[in-house]
Protein backbone atom coordinates (compact mmCIF):
# COMPACT_ATOMS: atom_id res chain seq x y z
CA UNK A 1 81.57 -20.56 -20.76
CA UNK A 2 83.91 -22.17 -18.24
CA UNK A 3 82.68 -25.60 -19.32
CA UNK A 4 82.60 -25.14 -23.25
CA UNK A 5 83.66 -28.14 -25.21
CA UNK A 6 83.66 -28.91 -28.95
CA UNK A 7 80.01 -30.02 -28.49
CA UNK A 8 79.06 -26.45 -27.76
CA UNK A 9 80.21 -25.21 -31.50
CA UNK A 10 77.34 -23.75 -33.23
CA UNK A 11 76.03 -25.42 -36.41
CA UNK A 12 78.77 -24.52 -38.87
CA UNK A 13 76.90 -25.75 -42.02
CA UNK A 14 77.61 -23.61 -45.06
CA UNK A 15 80.61 -22.07 -43.43
CA UNK A 16 84.06 -22.23 -44.81
CA UNK A 17 87.34 -22.20 -42.86
CA UNK A 18 91.00 -22.04 -44.04
CA UNK A 19 93.36 -23.55 -41.28
CA UNK A 20 97.22 -23.48 -42.02
CA UNK A 21 99.30 -26.43 -40.91
CA UNK A 22 96.20 -28.51 -40.51
CA UNK A 23 98.25 -31.79 -41.26
CA UNK A 24 98.80 -32.69 -37.66
CA UNK A 25 98.32 -31.63 -33.94
CA UNK A 26 96.18 -28.52 -33.11
CA UNK A 27 95.32 -27.89 -36.73
CA UNK A 28 94.13 -31.19 -37.45
CA UNK A 29 91.79 -31.51 -34.55
CA UNK A 30 90.75 -28.19 -35.30
CA UNK A 31 89.61 -29.13 -38.71
CA UNK A 32 88.28 -32.36 -37.52
CA UNK A 33 86.00 -30.49 -35.05
CA UNK A 34 84.60 -27.89 -37.39
CA UNK A 35 83.78 -30.40 -40.13
CA UNK A 36 81.94 -32.47 -37.60
CA UNK A 37 79.84 -29.38 -36.95
CA UNK A 38 79.22 -28.98 -40.58
CA UNK A 39 81.90 -26.66 -41.97
CA UNK A 40 83.89 -27.05 -45.02
CA UNK A 41 87.63 -26.87 -44.31
CA UNK A 42 90.78 -26.33 -46.19
CA UNK A 43 94.00 -27.84 -44.78
CA UNK A 44 96.52 -25.30 -45.96
CA UNK A 45 99.75 -27.08 -45.39
CA UNK A 46 103.39 -27.41 -46.46
CA UNK A 47 103.53 -31.00 -46.62
CA UNK A 48 100.44 -32.26 -48.62
CA UNK A 49 101.23 -35.68 -48.51
CA UNK A 50 100.75 -35.45 -44.72
CA UNK A 51 97.48 -33.46 -44.90
CA UNK A 52 95.83 -35.98 -47.49
CA UNK A 53 95.20 -38.80 -44.76
CA UNK A 54 93.74 -36.14 -42.37
CA UNK A 55 91.60 -34.92 -45.09
CA UNK A 56 90.52 -38.37 -46.07
CA UNK A 57 89.63 -38.96 -42.48
CA UNK A 58 87.42 -35.98 -42.35
CA UNK A 59 85.63 -36.73 -45.53
CA UNK A 60 83.99 -34.65 -48.26
CA UNK A 61 84.12 -31.53 -46.19
CA UNK A 62 87.87 -31.23 -46.42
CA UNK A 63 90.30 -30.19 -49.05
CA UNK A 64 94.14 -29.83 -49.09
CA UNK A 65 95.96 -26.92 -50.53
CA UNK A 66 99.69 -26.36 -50.68
CA UNK A 67 101.02 -23.50 -48.64
CA UNK A 68 104.68 -23.07 -47.29
CA UNK A 69 104.65 -20.04 -44.99
CA UNK A 70 108.50 -20.05 -44.90
CA UNK A 71 108.44 -19.34 -48.54
CA UNK A 72 106.41 -16.03 -49.60
CA UNK A 73 106.31 -17.15 -53.17
CA UNK A 74 104.10 -20.06 -52.01
CA UNK A 75 102.09 -17.73 -49.82
CA UNK A 76 101.50 -15.65 -52.87
CA UNK A 77 100.67 -18.48 -55.05
CA UNK A 78 98.18 -19.84 -52.45
CA UNK A 79 96.57 -16.25 -52.06
CA UNK A 80 96.04 -15.84 -55.95
CA UNK A 81 94.05 -18.96 -55.95
CA UNK A 82 92.03 -18.32 -52.83
CA UNK A 83 88.21 -17.89 -53.54
CA UNK A 84 87.22 -16.83 -50.00
CA UNK A 85 86.16 -18.21 -46.58
CA UNK A 86 84.29 -17.06 -43.59
CA UNK A 87 87.25 -17.80 -41.28
CA UNK A 88 91.02 -17.68 -41.48
CA UNK A 89 92.90 -19.59 -38.91
CA UNK A 90 96.56 -18.71 -38.50
CA UNK A 91 97.69 -22.09 -36.82
CA UNK A 92 101.10 -23.40 -38.37
CA UNK A 93 104.16 -22.71 -36.44
CA UNK A 94 107.50 -24.14 -35.48
CA UNK A 95 109.04 -24.01 -32.16
CA UNK A 96 112.54 -23.85 -30.52
CA UNK A 97 114.27 -25.32 -33.55
CA UNK A 98 117.86 -24.87 -34.42
CA UNK A 99 118.94 -21.62 -36.54
CA UNK A 100 117.56 -21.72 -40.04
CA UNK A 101 116.26 -19.14 -42.56
CA UNK A 102 113.27 -19.11 -44.73
CA UNK A 103 113.44 -19.11 -48.43
CA UNK A 104 113.30 -15.42 -48.16
CA UNK A 105 116.13 -15.04 -45.72
CA UNK A 106 114.16 -14.51 -42.48
CA UNK A 107 115.01 -16.36 -39.24
CA UNK A 108 112.78 -19.39 -39.39
CA UNK A 109 110.59 -18.93 -36.34
CA UNK A 110 109.90 -15.33 -36.87
CA UNK A 111 109.48 -15.94 -41.04
CA UNK A 112 106.90 -19.00 -40.48
CA UNK A 113 105.17 -17.97 -37.20
CA UNK A 114 104.60 -14.22 -37.78
CA UNK A 115 105.73 -12.70 -41.27
CA UNK A 116 104.27 -15.82 -43.43
CA UNK A 117 100.95 -15.24 -41.64
CA UNK A 118 101.20 -11.73 -41.78
CA UNK A 119 101.36 -11.71 -45.58
CA UNK A 120 99.01 -14.42 -45.88
CA UNK A 121 96.35 -12.36 -43.94
CA UNK A 122 97.28 -9.13 -45.78
CA UNK A 123 96.50 -11.03 -49.11
CA UNK A 124 93.31 -12.99 -48.26
CA UNK A 125 91.95 -10.49 -46.14
CA UNK A 126 89.34 -8.99 -48.56
CA UNK A 127 87.98 -12.44 -49.00
CA UNK A 128 87.37 -13.20 -45.40
CA UNK A 129 83.95 -12.49 -44.37
CA UNK A 130 83.67 -13.36 -40.45
CA UNK A 131 86.99 -13.31 -38.53
CA UNK A 132 90.71 -14.09 -38.35
CA UNK A 133 92.06 -16.25 -35.69
CA UNK A 134 95.89 -16.24 -34.83
CA UNK A 135 97.49 -18.60 -32.59
CA UNK A 136 100.02 -17.46 -29.99
CA UNK A 137 101.32 -19.03 -26.96
CA UNK A 138 101.75 -18.55 -23.43
CA UNK A 139 105.54 -18.38 -24.25
CA UNK A 140 104.71 -14.95 -25.73
CA UNK A 141 105.60 -13.88 -22.07
CA UNK A 142 109.19 -14.45 -22.70
CA UNK A 143 109.03 -12.29 -26.26
CA UNK A 144 110.42 -8.91 -26.30
CA UNK A 145 110.49 -8.14 -30.17
CA UNK A 146 113.85 -6.48 -31.06
CA UNK A 147 112.55 -4.36 -34.07
CA UNK A 148 116.10 -3.51 -34.90
CA UNK A 149 117.13 -7.09 -35.18
CA UNK A 150 113.91 -9.28 -36.14
CA UNK A 151 116.02 -11.80 -38.08
CA UNK A 152 118.86 -12.40 -35.39
CA UNK A 153 121.52 -10.93 -37.62
CA UNK A 154 123.06 -9.33 -34.77
CA UNK A 155 122.49 -11.29 -31.79
CA UNK A 156 123.54 -14.72 -30.74
CA UNK A 157 120.58 -16.89 -31.54
CA UNK A 158 118.54 -18.20 -28.48
CA UNK A 159 115.88 -20.64 -29.85
CA UNK A 160 113.35 -20.03 -27.08
CA UNK A 161 113.81 -16.40 -27.07
CA UNK A 162 113.23 -16.65 -31.01
CA UNK A 163 110.10 -18.72 -30.43
CA UNK A 164 108.80 -16.29 -27.75
CA UNK A 165 109.54 -13.39 -29.95
CA UNK A 166 107.50 -14.80 -32.77
CA UNK A 167 104.63 -15.59 -30.43
CA UNK A 168 104.65 -12.14 -29.16
CA UNK A 169 104.51 -10.93 -32.62
CA UNK A 170 101.45 -13.25 -33.35
CA UNK A 171 99.60 -11.83 -30.32
CA UNK A 172 100.59 -8.06 -31.34
CA UNK A 173 99.65 -8.74 -34.93
CA UNK A 174 96.17 -10.09 -33.94
CA UNK A 175 95.33 -7.34 -31.76
CA UNK A 176 96.58 -4.53 -33.92
CA UNK A 177 94.56 -6.23 -36.76
CA UNK A 178 91.58 -6.08 -34.50
CA UNK A 179 92.11 -2.20 -33.83
CA UNK A 180 92.48 -1.40 -37.53
CA UNK A 181 89.76 -3.60 -38.58
CA UNK A 182 87.34 -1.78 -36.05
CA UNK A 183 88.79 1.76 -37.12
CA UNK A 184 88.08 0.82 -40.86
CA UNK A 185 84.28 0.13 -39.97
CA UNK A 186 84.87 -3.56 -41.08
CA UNK A 187 82.67 -6.46 -40.08
CA UNK A 188 85.46 -8.69 -39.88
CA UNK A 189 87.11 -9.29 -36.50
CA UNK A 190 90.50 -10.60 -35.24
CA UNK A 191 91.02 -12.91 -32.37
CA UNK A 192 94.05 -14.67 -30.89
CA UNK A 193 94.20 -17.89 -29.09
CA UNK A 194 96.81 -20.02 -27.30
CA UNK A 195 96.49 -23.83 -26.57
CA UNK A 196 98.15 -24.11 -23.15
CA UNK A 197 100.33 -27.01 -22.76
CA UNK A 198 99.13 -29.44 -25.49
CA UNK A 199 100.97 -32.44 -26.92
CA UNK A 200 101.86 -31.92 -30.43
CA UNK A 201 104.45 -32.61 -33.02
CA UNK A 202 105.85 -28.88 -32.33
CA UNK A 203 107.73 -30.62 -29.22
CA UNK A 204 110.77 -32.63 -29.81
CA UNK A 205 112.47 -30.67 -32.69
CA UNK A 206 115.05 -28.52 -30.69
CA UNK A 207 117.76 -31.36 -31.74
CA UNK A 208 118.97 -30.98 -27.90
CA UNK A 209 118.50 -32.86 -24.81
CA UNK A 210 115.44 -30.91 -24.27
CA UNK A 211 113.67 -33.06 -26.66
CA UNK A 212 113.69 -35.85 -24.13
CA UNK A 213 112.31 -33.92 -21.44
CA UNK A 214 109.70 -32.40 -23.58
CA UNK A 215 108.35 -35.85 -24.71
CA UNK A 216 108.39 -36.92 -21.14
CA UNK A 217 106.43 -33.88 -20.28
CA UNK A 218 103.92 -34.60 -23.13
CA UNK A 219 102.95 -38.06 -21.73
CA UNK A 220 102.86 -36.90 -17.99
CA UNK A 221 101.39 -33.25 -17.98
CA UNK A 222 100.13 -31.98 -21.30
CA UNK A 223 96.69 -32.16 -22.42
CA UNK A 224 95.66 -33.81 -25.77
CA UNK A 225 95.94 -31.76 -29.03
CA UNK A 226 91.90 -31.85 -29.17
CA UNK A 227 92.12 -30.13 -25.86
CA UNK A 228 94.68 -27.80 -26.89
CA UNK A 229 92.54 -27.03 -30.04
CA UNK A 230 89.58 -25.74 -28.09
CA UNK A 231 90.67 -22.18 -27.45
CA UNK A 232 90.88 -21.93 -31.23
CA UNK A 233 87.43 -23.35 -31.76
CA UNK A 234 86.25 -21.06 -29.16
CA UNK A 235 87.43 -18.00 -30.87
CA UNK A 236 86.60 -19.15 -34.25
CA UNK A 237 82.91 -19.97 -33.53
CA UNK A 238 81.70 -18.78 -30.36
CA UNK A 239 79.34 -15.80 -30.51
CA UNK A 240 80.46 -14.59 -27.02
CA UNK A 241 83.96 -13.53 -28.32
CA UNK A 242 85.10 -9.82 -28.68
CA UNK A 243 87.31 -8.23 -31.51
CA UNK A 244 90.92 -8.31 -30.28
CA UNK A 245 90.15 -10.94 -27.52
CA UNK A 246 92.79 -13.43 -26.45
CA UNK A 247 91.63 -16.85 -25.64
CA UNK A 248 93.11 -19.76 -23.90
CA UNK A 249 92.59 -22.70 -21.34
CA UNK A 250 91.10 -21.47 -17.92
CA UNK A 251 92.55 -24.16 -15.53
CA UNK A 252 95.88 -24.99 -14.17
CA UNK A 253 97.25 -21.41 -14.57
CA UNK A 254 96.21 -21.51 -18.14
CA UNK A 255 97.81 -24.83 -19.17
CA UNK A 256 94.65 -26.83 -19.83
CA UNK A 257 90.89 -27.05 -19.50
CA UNK A 258 87.94 -25.34 -20.98
CA UNK A 259 88.50 -22.22 -23.14
CA UNK A 260 87.90 -18.66 -22.10
CA UNK A 261 89.55 -15.16 -21.87
CA UNK A 262 93.16 -15.20 -21.09
CA UNK A 263 95.87 -12.87 -19.68
CA UNK A 264 98.72 -11.75 -21.45
CA UNK A 265 101.97 -9.69 -21.16
CA UNK A 266 101.28 -5.86 -20.95
CA UNK A 267 103.84 -5.44 -23.73
CA UNK A 268 101.25 -6.74 -26.05
CA UNK A 269 99.35 -3.59 -25.51
CA UNK A 270 102.04 -1.28 -26.54
CA UNK A 271 100.43 0.47 -29.51
CA UNK A 272 103.81 2.02 -30.49
CA UNK A 273 105.59 -1.34 -30.65
CA UNK A 274 102.66 -2.84 -32.47
CA UNK A 275 102.62 -0.15 -35.03
CA UNK A 276 106.28 -0.38 -35.66
CA UNK A 277 106.13 -4.09 -35.87
CA UNK A 278 103.37 -3.73 -38.46
CA UNK A 279 105.57 -1.26 -40.39
CA UNK A 280 108.74 -3.40 -40.21
CA UNK A 281 106.66 -6.57 -41.29
CA UNK A 282 105.25 -4.69 -44.45
CA UNK A 283 108.69 -3.29 -45.30
CA UNK A 284 110.69 -6.78 -44.99
CA UNK A 285 108.06 -8.52 -46.69
CA UNK A 286 107.27 -5.98 -49.45
CA UNK A 287 103.65 -6.30 -48.56
CA UNK A 288 101.12 -3.53 -48.56
CA UNK A 289 98.61 -4.49 -45.87
CA UNK A 290 95.19 -2.83 -46.54
CA UNK A 291 92.60 -2.84 -43.88
C-alpha cells in the first residue's frame, strides 16, 4: 500500500464517476486516471468551457455537466438530471480568497467547499451505488467551526481561517456521513481524502502578496497535481479502504508521496459538533438529508 500508484487502480470498466471541479488540477487528473482505467467520468464544473478540452483529451469516456456549487439552484438543477453513478467525488473548492458571498448569501469558501457539496450529496445519494469521496485538506487543522457564525457575519474575515473551517467541515461531513450510512445499513460508504501539498490552480487567488510566495512554493516544493490526486483515487477505487477513512500522502509529513491512512485533528471526531454542523447545514440550505 505504501507504494500505491495510479497503475494500481483496479479495472474500472463499467463503473461511473461524477467529479466536481474536474476542469483543472486535482479533479482533471482524477478524471484522466479513472478514464484510463476504464471508467466513465462526468466532469461536473462551473466553467464548462474550461472542462470541454479536458473531456476531449480524455475521449469518449468523458462528458461535461454544468454545476456551480456556489449557487444551490444550479446544484438542484444538476441533481434533477442526474441518472446515477457508482462514485461521487466532491473535489471542487476555492482557497483563501477575498471575502465574497455565494448566490445564496453564504461565505464563499464555506458555501462552495462544504454547503454546496452537502446539498449535492443529499440530493444524489440515493443514486450512488458504491461510495462518496469528499476532499478535505491538511489545512483542516486550523479550522474550528463557529456554528453561530458559519458565514462570517459577526467575525472579522480571515481568509485562511475561513478556508480551514471549510476543510474541517468537509472532513466532519465525510466522517458523519460514513457513520449515518453504516447505521442505516446502507452498502454505500463515505471516505475523505486530502492531496498534501500539490501544485494546482487553487494557489495564487488570494489577491495578496501571498500569491507570489505560493507560486514560488509550487515550483520548488509541491508535488504535481497528478501526485496530489492519488489519495482521491485510492479512496475512490481501492478495496482496502474503510468507511469513514481519511487518506492522504504518507511521505514528508503528509505533504507528498504514495497514499495511505492519514492522521487528522481530534476535533473531527467530536460527534456533538458534527451532528450540529449537519443540522445547521440542513437548516441554512433548506435541505432534508435522508440517509
